[in-house]
Amino acid sequence: MFQVYILKSIKNEKHYIGHTGNLDDRLSRHNGGQVKSTKSSVPWDIVYTETFNTKQEAYQREFELKSYKGGIKFKKLFDC
């Protein structure tokens, strides 16, 4: 199983969208400063997830969510 996730920075309220096969490990890497694109905004909380059977489905959904970022559809997913 693969998950698409949205993180929200506690530090500056920025959002990050990604996909993974192991959400606990991935969140730990984000909060441990091991991910270049998120280390400046540590710590992160998970605010949204979706589960998919294949990596391809998760990747496609991640791409779709990234196209929403900052727009009305993005804000409708969860309470930003």
N, C-alpha and C. Protein backbone atom coordinates (compact mmCIF):
# COMPACT_ATOMS: atom_id res chain seq x y z
N MET A 1 0.84 -1.18 0.00
CA MET A 1 0.00 0.00 0.00
C MET A 1 0.89 1.25 0.00
N PHE A 2 0.41 2.26 -0.68
CA PHE A 2 1.13 3.53 -0.77
C PHE A 2 0.20 4.65 -0.32
N GLN A 3 0.80 5.66 0.27
CA GLN A 3 0.00 6.78 0.75
C GLN A 3 0.49 8.10 0.17
N VAL A 4 -0.47 8.95 -0.13
CA VAL A 4 -0.20 10.34 -0.46
C VAL A 4 -0.48 11.11 0.82
N TYR A 5 0.39 12.05 1.13
CA TYR A 5 0.23 12.76 2.39
C TYR A 5 0.47 14.25 2.20
N ILE A 6 -0.14 15.01 3.09
CA ILE A 6 0.11 16.45 3.15
C ILE A 6 0.59 16.75 4.56
N LEU A 7 1.72 17.42 4.64
CA LEU A 7 2.28 17.84 5.91
C LEU A 7 2.08 19.34 6.07
N LYS A 8 1.99 19.76 7.30
CA LYS A 8 1.92 21.20 7.60
C LYS A 8 3.00 21.50 8.64
N SER A 9 3.80 22.50 8.35
CA SER A 9 4.87 22.88 9.26
C SER A 9 4.30 23.59 10.48
N ILE A 10 4.71 23.16 11.64
CA ILE A 10 4.31 23.83 12.88
C ILE A 10 5.04 25.16 12.99
N LYS A 11 6.25 25.22 12.44
CA LYS A 11 7.09 26.40 12.52
C LYS A 11 6.54 27.58 11.71
N ASN A 12 6.14 27.32 10.45
CA ASN A 12 5.75 28.44 9.59
C ASN A 12 4.48 28.18 8.78
N GLU A 13 3.77 27.10 9.06
CA GLU A 13 2.49 26.75 8.45
C GLU A 13 2.56 26.49 6.94
N LYS A 14 3.75 26.21 6.41
CA LYS A 14 3.87 25.80 5.01
C LYS A 14 3.35 24.38 4.87
N HIS A 15 3.03 23.99 3.63
CA HIS A 15 2.55 22.64 3.34
C HIS A 15 3.53 21.92 2.43
N TYR A 16 3.55 20.61 2.56
CA TYR A 16 4.37 19.74 1.71
C TYR A 16 3.52 18.55 1.31
N ILE A 17 3.56 18.19 0.04
CA ILE A 17 2.79 17.06 -0.48
C ILE A 17 3.77 16.01 -0.99
N GLY A 18 3.54 14.75 -0.61
CA GLY A 18 4.41 13.68 -1.06
C GLY A 18 3.68 12.34 -1.08
N HIS A 19 4.40 11.28 -1.47
CA HIS A 19 3.85 9.93 -1.42
C HIS A 19 4.92 8.98 -0.90
N THR A 20 4.50 7.87 -0.30
CA THR A 20 5.43 6.95 0.31
C THR A 20 4.80 5.58 0.51
N GLY A 21 5.64 4.59 0.71
CA GLY A 21 5.19 3.26 1.07
C GLY A 21 5.26 3.02 2.57
N ASN A 22 5.86 3.96 3.32
CA ASN A 22 5.99 3.84 4.77
C ASN A 22 5.87 5.23 5.39
N LEU A 23 4.67 5.59 5.76
CA LEU A 23 4.40 6.95 6.23
C LEU A 23 5.12 7.28 7.53
N ASP A 24 5.17 6.35 8.47
CA ASP A 24 5.85 6.62 9.74
C ASP A 24 7.33 6.93 9.52
N ASP A 25 7.98 6.12 8.69
CA ASP A 25 9.40 6.34 8.40
C ASP A 25 9.60 7.67 7.67
N ARG A 26 8.74 7.95 6.72
CA ARG A 26 8.87 9.18 5.93
C ARG A 26 8.69 10.42 6.81
N LEU A 27 7.71 10.39 7.70
CA LEU A 27 7.50 11.53 8.61
C LEU A 27 8.71 11.70 9.52
N SER A 28 9.26 10.60 9.98
CA SER A 28 10.44 10.65 10.83
C SER A 28 11.62 11.29 10.09
N ARG A 29 11.77 10.97 8.82
CA ARG A 29 12.85 11.56 8.01
C ARG A 29 12.60 13.05 7.78
N HIS A 30 11.35 13.43 7.54
CA HIS A 30 11.05 14.87 7.39
C HIS A 30 11.39 15.61 8.69
N ASN A 31 10.92 15.10 9.81
CA ASN A 31 11.14 15.78 11.09
C ASN A 31 12.56 15.67 11.60
N GLY A 32 13.32 14.73 11.06
CA GLY A 32 14.72 14.59 11.43
C GLY A 32 15.66 15.45 10.61
N GLY A 33 15.10 16.24 9.70
CA GLY A 33 15.90 17.12 8.87
C GLY A 33 16.65 16.41 7.77
N GLN A 34 16.21 15.19 7.40
CA GLN A 34 16.89 14.39 6.39
C GLN A 34 16.36 14.62 4.98
N VAL A 35 15.33 15.44 4.84
CA VAL A 35 14.75 15.73 3.53
C VAL A 35 15.08 17.19 3.21
N LYS A 36 15.87 17.37 2.16
CA LYS A 36 16.38 18.70 1.81
C LYS A 36 15.28 19.76 1.69
N SER A 37 14.18 19.39 1.04
CA SER A 37 13.14 20.38 0.77
C SER A 37 12.28 20.73 1.99
N THR A 38 12.40 19.98 3.08
CA THR A 38 11.56 20.26 4.25
C THR A 38 12.34 20.58 5.52
N LYS A 39 13.65 20.43 5.50
CA LYS A 39 14.40 20.56 6.75
C LYS A 39 14.38 21.96 7.35
N SER A 40 14.17 22.97 6.55
CA SER A 40 14.14 24.34 7.10
C SER A 40 12.83 24.66 7.82
N SER A 41 11.84 23.79 7.69
CA SER A 41 10.52 24.07 8.29
C SER A 41 10.11 23.04 9.34
N VAL A 42 11.06 22.28 9.87
CA VAL A 42 10.80 21.29 10.91
C VAL A 42 10.26 22.00 12.14
N PRO A 43 9.31 21.45 12.85
CA PRO A 43 8.67 20.14 12.75
C PRO A 43 7.41 20.16 11.88
N TRP A 44 7.02 18.96 11.42
CA TRP A 44 5.87 18.78 10.54
C TRP A 44 4.83 17.89 11.20
N ASP A 45 3.56 18.17 10.90
CA ASP A 45 2.43 17.31 11.29
C ASP A 45 1.74 16.82 10.03
N ILE A 46 1.23 15.60 10.08
CA ILE A 46 0.42 15.08 8.98
C ILE A 46 -0.98 15.66 9.12
N VAL A 47 -1.49 16.28 8.05
CA VAL A 47 -2.83 16.85 8.10
C VAL A 47 -3.80 16.16 7.15
N TYR A 48 -3.26 15.30 6.25
CA TYR A 48 -4.14 14.64 5.29
C TYR A 48 -3.42 13.43 4.70
N THR A 49 -4.15 12.32 4.52
CA THR A 49 -3.59 11.14 3.84
C THR A 49 -4.66 10.48 2.97
N GLU A 50 -4.20 9.79 1.94
CA GLU A 50 -5.03 8.94 1.09
C GLU A 50 -4.21 7.69 0.82
N THR A 51 -4.86 6.52 0.74
CA THR A 51 -4.18 5.25 0.52
C THR A 51 -4.50 4.69 -0.87
N PHE A 52 -3.47 4.13 -1.52
CA PHE A 52 -3.60 3.56 -2.86
C PHE A 52 -2.94 2.19 -2.92
N ASN A 53 -3.37 1.38 -3.86
CA ASN A 53 -2.82 0.04 -4.02
C ASN A 53 -1.47 0.03 -4.71
N THR A 54 -1.23 0.98 -5.60
CA THR A 54 0.02 0.99 -6.36
C THR A 54 0.74 2.32 -6.21
N LYS A 55 2.06 2.26 -6.42
CA LYS A 55 2.87 3.47 -6.37
C LYS A 55 2.47 4.44 -7.48
N GLN A 56 2.13 3.92 -8.63
CA GLN A 56 1.72 4.75 -9.76
C GLN A 56 0.46 5.56 -9.44
N GLU A 57 -0.52 4.91 -8.80
CA GLU A 57 -1.74 5.62 -8.42
C GLU A 57 -1.43 6.73 -7.42
N ALA A 58 -0.57 6.42 -6.45
CA ALA A 58 -0.20 7.42 -5.45
C ALA A 58 0.53 8.59 -6.09
N TYR A 59 1.45 8.28 -7.00
CA TYR A 59 2.20 9.34 -7.67
C TYR A 59 1.27 10.24 -8.48
N GLN A 60 0.32 9.65 -9.18
CA GLN A 60 -0.62 10.44 -9.98
C GLN A 60 -1.46 11.35 -9.08
N ARG A 61 -1.90 10.83 -7.94
CA ARG A 61 -2.69 11.64 -7.02
C ARG A 61 -1.85 12.75 -6.40
N GLU A 62 -0.59 12.45 -6.08
CA GLU A 62 0.31 13.48 -5.55
C GLU A 62 0.43 14.62 -6.56
N PHE A 63 0.65 14.27 -7.81
CA PHE A 63 0.77 15.27 -8.87
C PHE A 63 -0.50 16.11 -8.98
N GLU A 64 -1.66 15.44 -8.88
CA GLU A 64 -2.94 16.16 -8.93
C GLU A 64 -3.07 17.13 -7.75
N LEU A 65 -2.74 16.67 -6.55
CA LEU A 65 -2.83 17.54 -5.38
C LEU A 65 -1.88 18.72 -5.47
N LYS A 66 -0.71 18.50 -6.03
CA LYS A 66 0.24 19.60 -6.19
C LYS A 66 -0.30 20.66 -7.14
N SER A 67 -1.12 20.25 -8.10
CA SER A 67 -1.72 21.23 -9.01
C SER A 67 -2.78 22.07 -8.29
N TYR A 68 -3.33 21.55 -7.18
CA TYR A 68 -4.32 22.28 -6.39
C TYR A 68 -3.68 23.26 -5.42
N LYS A 69 -2.42 23.06 -5.08
CA LYS A 69 -1.78 23.73 -3.95
C LYS A 69 -2.07 25.23 -3.92
N GLY A 70 -2.60 25.65 -2.81
CA GLY A 70 -2.92 27.06 -2.61
C GLY A 70 -4.29 27.46 -3.13
N GLY A 71 -4.94 26.59 -3.86
CA GLY A 71 -6.24 26.94 -4.43
C GLY A 71 -7.41 26.44 -3.60
N ILE A 72 -8.59 26.65 -4.09
CA ILE A 72 -9.83 26.29 -3.40
C ILE A 72 -9.92 24.78 -3.19
N LYS A 73 -9.58 23.99 -4.21
CA LYS A 73 -9.65 22.53 -4.07
C LYS A 73 -8.70 22.04 -2.99
N PHE A 74 -7.53 22.63 -2.90
CA PHE A 74 -6.56 22.26 -1.87
C PHE A 74 -7.12 22.55 -0.48
N LYS A 75 -7.68 23.71 -0.30
CA LYS A 75 -8.23 24.11 1.00
C LYS A 75 -9.44 23.28 1.40
N LYS A 76 -10.19 22.76 0.41
CA LYS A 76 -11.34 21.93 0.72
C LYS A 76 -10.95 20.55 1.27
N LEU A 77 -9.72 20.10 0.99
CA LEU A 77 -9.28 18.79 1.46
C LEU A 77 -9.24 18.71 2.99
N PHE A 78 -8.87 19.79 3.63
CA PHE A 78 -8.74 19.84 5.08
C PHE A 78 -8.78 21.27 5.54
N ASP A 79 -8.85 21.48 6.80
CA ASP A 79 -8.87 22.84 7.35
C ASP A 79 -7.46 23.36 7.43
N CYS A 80 -7.07 24.22 6.49
CA CYS A 80 -5.72 24.79 6.47
C CYS A 80 -5.60 25.83 7.56
